[in-house]
Amino acid sequence: MGRQNSANAKVVGAELAAVLPDIGPWYKQPHILRLNLCVISIMMCASANGYDGSMMNGLLALPQWHSFMNQPTGPWLGFVNAAYSLGNVLVYPISAWVCNKYGRKMGIYISWGFLALGSALQTAAPNDGAFVAARFIIGCASGFFLSAPLLITENAYPTHRGVVSALYNCMWYAGAVVAAWATFATRNLDEWSWRMPSLLQIALPILSAPGLLMIGESPRWLVSVDRVDEARLVIAKAHAGGDVHSPLVNFEMMEIEETIRAEREAHSATTWADLYSTPGNRHRLFISYCGVGVISYYLALVLSSVGIKSVDDQTLISACIQIWNLICATSAAILVDKVGRRALFLASGTIMLISFTIVTGLSGSFASTGNAPTGTAVIPFLFIFYLGYDIALTPLMVSYPVEIWPYRLRAKGLTVALMVSLACVFFNTFVNPIALESIAWKYYFVFLAVLVVMLVSVWFGYPETRGRTLENVAFLFDGDEAEVGTGTASSALKQADNARFGEVAHVEESDEKR
């Protein structure tokens, strides 16, 4: 018991660990098993982004698609890819408002409608303009999935929060794997070589339906709209098997209520300006961007630049890389509470910098000599680069921004992080084909500089969030000014101590009236 308590304290902090029951293997507890199955289902929302990126990698290698799109090059090719990111960026602020106003689940319902419309239009597209319009609509659908990681993080069992939050974005590669193998399998068909992958992109996100229908609304959102009794029932059902008098439920409810009350007393309304109104928030804003690379959308062009031009080779390499990514990213996500977020970020940046430096050198050598083995040697280093990317940027790109922002700014903070990231994706997907056509491998030096800046930023600006509750992360940024309630939560600890000595734990009369 003592060893388990010590292990839990490293994950969630000593106070919360003191009220956690000794449940044994979580999969033997029906209520936690049910919660985690719901969470896994909702993770499929993240597959939409991965499917699109991987599908476009595959389509770029298909002559049938290029023929349908009238041989797109340069700015037009860039815009074809960037239309998806443009839809994301425009919808994110609306999505943040929706999930704060109507709950975390509403945005996912809306996204399903956009996804169905966009998938149908892209599959049946009569011309290149309709294809681009469909990509924009699907990008809007992905933008409304913003609320999915919030719902997961705010409902997760305390000791599982770090891992399941990190696993969310790893499902990006579940979509990528399906898309890569779909484009590989259909590569020899006529127009259905790209229409079939377009149709299949709705398959994985719709798997989020069972989890969304079975999981409760975010307890933190319910408390924020004064539905306190519902919030207590949601936490009790998910974390304590329905025991509303559980010390764990009391602790979580007291901390959530006090923190949201403190935020309300300090701020009568929440605006976008609040994101940079304090030193702590400016610090959060600084670290809300995770870098993206040239390889993500343009793997086919990168491979072509080193002499690997066969459609079969390009689509097969892309498909294998996506499986590799899924394995690496999920493995890293499981480690977030063992080694910490900072260590993963630093390892990620270091591996990417070294491997991409080698890719740049080999690409330059191939351009000068045309030596085939030199071009082929790029392939293993691309796998190593993706290993580095997957160690931190995949699992923590979403979960870290969700952790560092307080409740009242969490949706807006995540919106900014994703908008900045997607604005860079939009820029990259528009500029990359132009730059690659014009200066080829020399363009990689830009991304080497980005990786250096990322490493320096992580070293000096990214605090470790392991060992804290979602509410207590605020102390890392705001210090004594943190809007976090702790007094009532301490009474839950005393209640837990009484229970250990044989006294019956009870809920305060004021809590029962609520």
Foldseek 3Di string as FASTA:
>chain_A
DVVQLVLLLLFANNLLSLQADCPDPQCVPVLQVLLVVLLVLLLLLLQLLLLLLLLLLLLVLAPLNCVQAVNDFAQVQLLLSLLLLVLLLVQLVVLLVCCLVPFLLVLLVVLLVLLVVLLVQCLVPPGNVSVSVSSNSNSNSSNSSLSSLVQLLLQHARSCNQLSSLVSLLSNLVSSLVSLVLLLVLRPPHNCSSSVSSNCSSPRNVSSVVSSVPADTRLLSCVLVPVNVSSLQRNCSNHPVRPSLRLSSQLVSVFSNQLSVLVCVVDVDDDLVVCCPDQLSVLLLLPLADADDLCRNHVQLLLVLLPNSNSNVSSVLSSVLSVLLSVLQSVLSVCCSPPFQLVLLLQLLVQLLVLLVLLLVLSVVCVVPVDNVSSVVNSVSVSSNSSSCSNHVRSPSQSVLQLQDAPNCNSVSSSSSSSVRSVVVSVSSSCVSVCCVPVNSVVSVVVSVVSVVSNVCSVPRPDTPGSHGSQVSQCVRQPPNRSTDDPSSVVSSVLSVCVVVPDDRGDDPVSVVD
